[in-house]
Amino acid sequence: MKRLLTSLVALALILGLTVSAQAKDSIALVVSTLNNPFFVTLKDGAVKRAGEMGYEIIVLDSQNDPAKELANVEDLTVRGVKAILINPTDSDAVSNAIRLINKAGIPVLTLDRGAAHGEVACHIASDNVAGGKMAGDFMAEKLGKGAKVIQLEGLPGTSAARDRGEGFAAAVKANGFNLLASQPADFDRTKGLNVMENLLANHGDVQGVFAQNDEMALGALRALQAAGKKVVVVGFDGTDDGVAAVKSGTMTGTVAQQPALIGSLGVEAADKLLKGQAVEKSIPVPLMVVK
């Protein structure tokens, strides 16, 4: 009986250690949407690196809904994850989710888009302001000073849309562009098509279009092609579809981010935090123009 009791205690201890180890090795990634190739690639980069580093990773899709995002975070705080990587749906709306994670005592890192409030251990992203300026300056190389241009903006409230717009505004000023219109299309390809169609009705003399992501750029291209317009179109993100469009000559260029690297660096930063190592508050990811 003593031997049996000792064995059961030992087994319980082993099982307890196993559960503890699994909980310790669990991290989470909350993605704004998996209906966008950029964020799918970001997720893939995080999942791959997590596997290489021996972590279990839980991926949850917020479907571009702040309420769903908050529900995802609430779920994770009771599941014993040790760190949460979050790609916000909205920089302001995510603040409630960040505060909830802070209250649970879990380190939180933001990817690609920042958070307006709450304590974030590390933010990993490209310099979107610099990227917007790069896009505008590249358009100036193709069109010269004073060109008539349109901007398709991303999802209102996101840091990416705000920062890319700020950078492009600087390029508009520096290059003397005539900005005919600047309108949101929510980082969505279909909306990019519809918004571009509407804008062409009043701005048929447009020479250049800057879309704050490749999805909107590809939608705008369809509208321009249908209207028989030959216009310089520059996207942002460097997605597979965007780069393919540049290589085929239909899109003029795209400011390429490295979404897989953003995801990978997020996991590496989380690992350092969990090991008690110092992590920079902001980790920049290089950009380049694909021509």
Protein backbone atom coordinates (compact mmCIF):
# COMPACT_ATOMS: atom_id res chain seq x y z
CA MET A 1 0.00 0.00 0.00
CA LYS A 2 2.90 2.33 0.90
CA ARG A 3 4.56 1.58 -2.42
CA LEU A 4 1.31 2.25 -4.30
CA LEU A 5 0.80 5.53 -2.45
CA THR A 6 4.39 6.59 -3.17
CA SER A 7 3.93 5.75 -6.85
CA LEU A 8 0.68 7.72 -7.03
CA VAL A 9 2.29 10.75 -5.37
CA ALA A 10 5.23 10.53 -7.78
CA LEU A 11 2.87 10.25 -10.74
CA ALA A 12 0.88 13.23 -9.51
CA LEU A 13 4.05 15.26 -9.19
CA ILE A 14 5.15 14.29 -12.71
CA LEU A 15 1.74 15.15 -14.14
CA GLY A 16 1.73 18.41 -12.23
CA LEU A 17 5.14 19.31 -13.59
CA THR A 18 4.02 18.36 -17.10
CA VAL A 19 0.94 20.59 -16.93
CA SER A 20 3.06 23.39 -15.48
CA ALA A 21 5.64 23.02 -18.23
CA GLN A 22 2.96 23.09 -20.91
CA ALA A 23 1.40 26.23 -19.41
CA LYS A 24 4.82 27.85 -19.15
CA ASP A 25 5.49 27.04 -22.78
CA SER A 26 2.24 28.50 -24.08
CA ILE A 27 2.10 31.89 -25.78
CA ALA A 28 -0.72 33.44 -27.80
CA LEU A 29 -1.15 35.51 -30.93
CA VAL A 30 -4.32 37.57 -31.41
CA VAL A 31 -4.55 38.70 -35.06
CA SER A 32 -6.79 41.53 -36.26
CA THR A 33 -7.95 39.42 -39.23
CA LEU A 34 -6.88 36.30 -41.08
CA ASN A 35 -8.83 37.48 -44.11
CA ASN A 36 -5.81 39.47 -45.27
CA PRO A 37 -2.69 37.83 -46.78
CA PHE A 38 -0.36 40.17 -44.87
CA PHE A 39 -1.61 39.00 -41.48
CA VAL A 40 -1.68 35.37 -42.57
CA THR A 41 2.03 35.68 -43.39
CA LEU A 42 2.65 37.43 -40.05
CA LYS A 43 0.88 34.54 -38.29
CA ASP A 44 2.88 31.96 -40.24
CA GLY A 45 6.14 33.65 -39.22
CA ALA A 46 5.14 33.60 -35.55
CA VAL A 47 3.95 29.98 -35.65
CA LYS A 48 7.12 28.81 -37.38
CA ARG A 49 9.43 30.59 -34.92
CA ALA A 50 7.40 29.42 -31.92
CA GLY A 51 7.75 25.82 -33.09
CA GLU A 52 11.49 26.26 -33.56
CA MET A 53 11.82 27.66 -30.03
CA GLY A 54 9.72 24.93 -28.41
CA TYR A 55 6.61 26.97 -27.64
CA GLU A 56 3.00 25.99 -28.05
CA ILE A 57 1.25 28.94 -29.74
CA ILE A 58 -2.47 29.67 -29.68
CA VAL A 59 -3.69 31.80 -32.60
CA LEU A 60 -7.02 33.64 -32.40
CA ASP A 61 -8.67 35.70 -35.15
CA SER A 62 -10.44 38.93 -34.12
CA GLN A 63 -12.16 39.25 -37.52
CA ASN A 64 -11.58 43.04 -37.52
CA ASP A 65 -14.01 43.35 -34.60
CA PRO A 66 -12.80 45.05 -31.36
CA ALA A 67 -15.49 43.22 -29.36
CA LYS A 68 -14.25 39.87 -30.70
CA GLU A 69 -10.69 40.98 -29.93
CA LEU A 70 -11.62 41.70 -26.31
CA ALA A 71 -13.40 38.34 -26.01
CA ASN A 72 -10.30 36.59 -27.40
CA VAL A 73 -8.12 38.29 -24.80
CA GLU A 74 -10.54 37.44 -21.98
CA ASP A 75 -10.36 33.81 -23.06
CA LEU A 76 -6.56 33.83 -23.10
CA THR A 77 -6.17 35.37 -19.65
CA VAL A 78 -7.86 32.33 -18.10
CA ARG A 79 -6.02 29.77 -20.25
CA GLY A 80 -2.66 30.21 -18.55
CA VAL A 81 -0.70 31.64 -21.48
CA LYS A 82 2.56 33.27 -20.45
CA ALA A 83 2.74 36.02 -23.09
CA ILE A 84 0.33 37.54 -25.59
CA LEU A 85 1.26 38.96 -28.98
CA ILE A 86 -1.51 41.16 -30.35
CA ASN A 87 -2.03 42.77 -33.73
CA PRO A 88 -4.74 45.32 -32.86
CA THR A 89 -7.94 45.83 -34.82
CA ASP A 90 -7.87 49.49 -33.74
CA SER A 91 -5.18 51.35 -31.80
CA ASP A 92 -7.68 53.04 -29.47
CA ALA A 93 -10.21 50.21 -29.11
CA VAL A 94 -7.50 47.68 -28.22
CA SER A 95 -6.68 49.67 -25.08
CA ASN A 96 -9.35 47.83 -23.05
CA ALA A 97 -7.87 44.49 -24.10
CA ILE A 98 -4.34 45.67 -23.22
CA ARG A 99 -5.49 46.82 -19.78
CA LEU A 100 -7.15 43.44 -19.20
CA ILE A 101 -3.89 41.68 -20.06
CA ASN A 102 -1.99 44.08 -17.78
CA LYS A 103 -4.40 43.30 -14.93
CA ALA A 104 -3.75 39.57 -15.44
CA GLY A 105 -0.01 40.21 -15.14
CA ILE A 106 0.77 38.79 -18.59
CA PRO A 107 3.41 40.46 -20.80
CA VAL A 108 1.85 41.88 -23.96
CA LEU A 109 3.59 42.78 -27.23
CA THR A 110 1.99 44.61 -30.17
CA LEU A 111 2.72 43.67 -33.78
CA ASP A 112 2.45 45.98 -36.81
CA ARG A 113 -0.14 48.24 -35.15
CA GLY A 114 0.38 49.97 -31.83
CA ALA A 115 -1.92 50.56 -28.85
CA ALA A 116 -2.92 54.05 -27.72
CA HIS A 117 -3.17 53.11 -24.05
CA GLY A 118 -2.09 50.39 -21.64
CA GLU A 119 1.33 48.98 -20.80
CA VAL A 120 2.98 47.27 -23.77
CA ALA A 121 6.30 45.52 -23.17
CA CYS A 122 7.43 45.77 -26.80
CA HIS A 123 6.13 47.00 -30.15
CA ILE A 124 7.43 45.33 -33.33
CA ALA A 125 6.64 47.09 -36.60
CA SER A 126 8.00 48.79 -39.67
CA ASP A 127 8.36 52.57 -39.63
CA ASN A 128 5.06 53.33 -41.30
CA VAL A 129 5.69 57.07 -41.43
CA ALA A 130 8.95 56.48 -43.31
CA GLY A 131 7.15 53.97 -45.56
CA GLY A 132 4.44 56.46 -46.53
CA LYS A 133 7.12 59.02 -47.39
CA MET A 134 9.02 56.40 -49.42
CA ALA A 135 5.87 55.62 -51.42
CA GLY A 136 5.27 59.30 -52.21
CA ASP A 137 8.87 59.96 -53.16
CA PHE A 138 8.85 56.91 -55.45
CA MET A 139 5.72 58.26 -57.15
CA ALA A 140 7.55 61.56 -57.64
CA GLU A 141 10.36 59.68 -59.39
CA LYS A 142 7.81 58.33 -61.85
CA LEU A 143 5.56 61.39 -62.24
CA GLY A 144 7.67 64.40 -61.33
CA LYS A 145 6.63 67.36 -59.21
CA GLY A 146 3.06 68.62 -59.06
CA ALA A 147 1.38 65.37 -60.15
CA LYS A 148 -2.34 64.81 -59.53
CA VAL A 149 -2.67 61.99 -57.01
CA ILE A 150 -5.22 60.12 -54.91
CA GLN A 151 -4.69 58.30 -51.61
CA LEU A 152 -6.69 55.27 -50.46
CA GLU A 153 -6.53 55.20 -46.68
CA GLY A 154 -6.60 52.15 -44.45
CA LEU A 155 -8.88 51.32 -41.54
CA PRO A 156 -9.60 54.52 -39.56
CA GLY A 157 -8.27 54.36 -36.01
CA THR A 158 -5.31 52.09 -36.77
CA SER A 159 -1.79 53.36 -36.16
CA ALA A 160 -0.74 51.95 -39.54
CA ALA A 161 -3.28 54.06 -41.44
CA ARG A 162 -2.46 57.16 -39.43
CA ASP A 163 1.31 56.80 -39.78
CA ARG A 164 1.33 55.87 -43.48
CA GLY A 165 -0.93 58.82 -44.14
CA GLU A 166 1.39 61.12 -42.20
CA GLY A 167 4.38 59.95 -44.24
CA PHE A 168 2.54 60.34 -47.53
CA ALA A 169 1.36 63.82 -46.53
CA ALA A 170 5.00 64.80 -46.06
CA ALA A 171 5.79 63.48 -49.56
CA VAL A 172 2.81 65.36 -51.03
CA LYS A 173 4.14 68.59 -49.54
CA ALA A 174 7.78 67.93 -50.50
CA ASN A 175 6.90 67.04 -54.09
CA GLY A 176 4.19 69.62 -54.65
CA PHE A 177 1.57 66.99 -55.47
CA ASN A 178 -2.02 68.02 -56.14
CA LEU A 179 -3.91 65.69 -53.79
CA LEU A 180 -7.27 65.25 -55.53
CA ALA A 181 -8.80 63.02 -52.85
CA SER A 182 -7.93 60.92 -49.81
CA GLN A 183 -10.57 58.42 -48.74
CA PRO A 184 -10.71 55.27 -46.55
CA ALA A 185 -11.12 51.85 -48.13
CA ASP A 186 -10.41 49.96 -44.89
CA PHE A 187 -7.41 47.94 -46.14
CA ASP A 188 -9.88 45.86 -48.18
CA ARG A 189 -9.53 44.87 -51.85
CA THR A 190 -13.23 45.05 -52.73
CA LYS A 191 -13.59 48.42 -51.00
CA GLY A 192 -10.48 49.61 -52.82
CA LEU A 193 -12.20 48.75 -56.10
CA ASN A 194 -15.47 50.45 -55.15
CA VAL A 195 -13.89 53.60 -53.74
CA MET A 196 -11.62 53.96 -56.76
CA GLU A 197 -14.58 53.59 -59.13
CA ASN A 198 -16.42 56.36 -57.28
CA LEU A 199 -13.40 58.66 -57.20
CA LEU A 200 -12.76 58.23 -60.93
CA ALA A 201 -16.16 59.75 -61.66
CA ASN A 202 -14.87 63.13 -60.43
CA HIS A 203 -11.12 62.70 -60.82
CA GLY A 204 -10.57 61.07 -64.20
CA ASP A 205 -7.36 63.08 -64.64
CA VAL A 206 -5.60 61.30 -61.77
CA GLN A 207 -1.96 60.38 -62.51
CA GLY A 208 -0.97 58.46 -59.41
CA VAL A 209 -2.64 56.43 -56.65
CA PHE A 210 -1.09 55.57 -53.30
CA ALA A 211 -2.94 52.82 -51.46
CA GLN A 212 -1.98 52.25 -47.84
CA ASN A 213 -1.86 48.49 -48.42
CA ASP A 214 -1.55 46.12 -51.37
CA GLU A 215 -5.09 44.83 -51.03
CA MET A 216 -6.57 48.27 -51.71
CA ALA A 217 -3.99 48.87 -54.46
CA LEU A 218 -5.05 45.67 -56.23
CA GLY A 219 -8.71 46.66 -55.97
CA ALA A 220 -7.90 50.13 -57.32
CA LEU A 221 -6.01 48.55 -60.22
CA ARG A 222 -9.11 46.64 -61.28
CA ALA A 223 -11.15 49.84 -61.31
CA LEU A 224 -8.46 51.70 -63.28
CA GLN A 225 -8.09 48.87 -65.79
CA ALA A 226 -11.86 48.71 -66.30
CA ALA A 227 -11.86 52.46 -66.97
CA GLY A 228 -8.95 52.15 -69.39
CA LYS A 229 -6.71 54.36 -67.25
CA LYS A 230 -2.92 54.05 -67.20
CA VAL A 231 -1.99 55.34 -63.74
CA VAL A 232 1.02 54.92 -61.43
CA VAL A 233 -0.18 52.78 -58.52
CA VAL A 234 1.93 52.23 -55.41
CA GLY A 235 0.86 49.87 -52.64
CA PHE A 236 2.22 49.00 -49.22
CA ASP A 237 3.09 45.72 -47.45
CA GLY A 238 4.87 43.71 -50.14
CA THR A 239 2.37 40.83 -50.04
CA ASP A 240 2.80 37.95 -52.49
CA ASP A 241 -0.07 39.27 -54.65
CA GLY A 242 1.30 42.80 -54.53
CA VAL A 243 4.83 41.79 -55.51
CA ALA A 244 3.44 39.58 -58.30
CA ALA A 245 1.47 42.57 -59.65
CA VAL A 246 4.64 44.67 -59.64
CA LYS A 247 6.61 41.95 -61.41
CA SER A 248 3.89 41.63 -64.05
CA GLY A 249 3.98 45.37 -64.65
CA THR A 250 0.38 46.09 -63.62
CA MET A 251 1.32 47.77 -60.33
CA THR A 252 4.17 50.29 -60.30
CA GLY A 253 5.58 49.48 -56.88
CA THR A 254 4.94 48.48 -53.29
CA VAL A 255 6.63 49.44 -50.05
CA ALA A 256 7.52 46.00 -48.76
CA GLN A 257 7.22 45.11 -45.13
CA GLN A 258 8.38 41.75 -43.85
CA PRO A 259 5.30 40.34 -42.08
CA ALA A 260 6.85 36.93 -41.41
CA LEU A 261 9.81 38.66 -39.75
CA ILE A 262 7.46 40.80 -37.64
CA GLY A 263 5.78 37.62 -36.34
CA SER A 264 9.10 35.89 -35.80
CA LEU A 265 10.63 38.83 -33.92
CA GLY A 266 7.51 39.00 -31.76
CA VAL A 267 8.02 35.43 -30.58
CA GLU A 268 11.74 36.04 -29.96
CA ALA A 269 10.97 39.16 -27.91
CA ALA A 270 8.34 37.26 -25.88
CA ASP A 271 10.89 34.52 -25.20
CA LYS A 272 13.37 37.09 -23.86
CA LEU A 273 10.74 38.65 -21.62
CA LEU A 274 9.82 35.25 -20.17
CA LYS A 275 13.49 34.60 -19.45
CA GLY A 276 13.82 37.92 -17.65
CA GLN A 277 16.03 39.44 -20.34
CA ALA A 278 15.94 43.06 -21.45
CA VAL A 279 13.85 43.86 -24.55
CA GLU A 280 13.70 47.14 -26.46
CA LYS A 281 10.37 48.97 -26.17
CA SER A 282 10.30 49.28 -29.95
CA ILE A 283 11.85 46.96 -32.53
CA PRO A 284 11.88 48.37 -36.08
CA VAL A 285 11.61 46.09 -39.12
CA PRO A 286 13.29 47.38 -42.32
CA LEU A 287 11.31 48.50 -45.38
CA MET A 288 12.14 48.58 -49.08
CA VAL A 289 10.42 49.65 -52.29
CA VAL A 290 9.77 46.77 -54.68
CA LYS A 291 9.93 48.24 -58.19
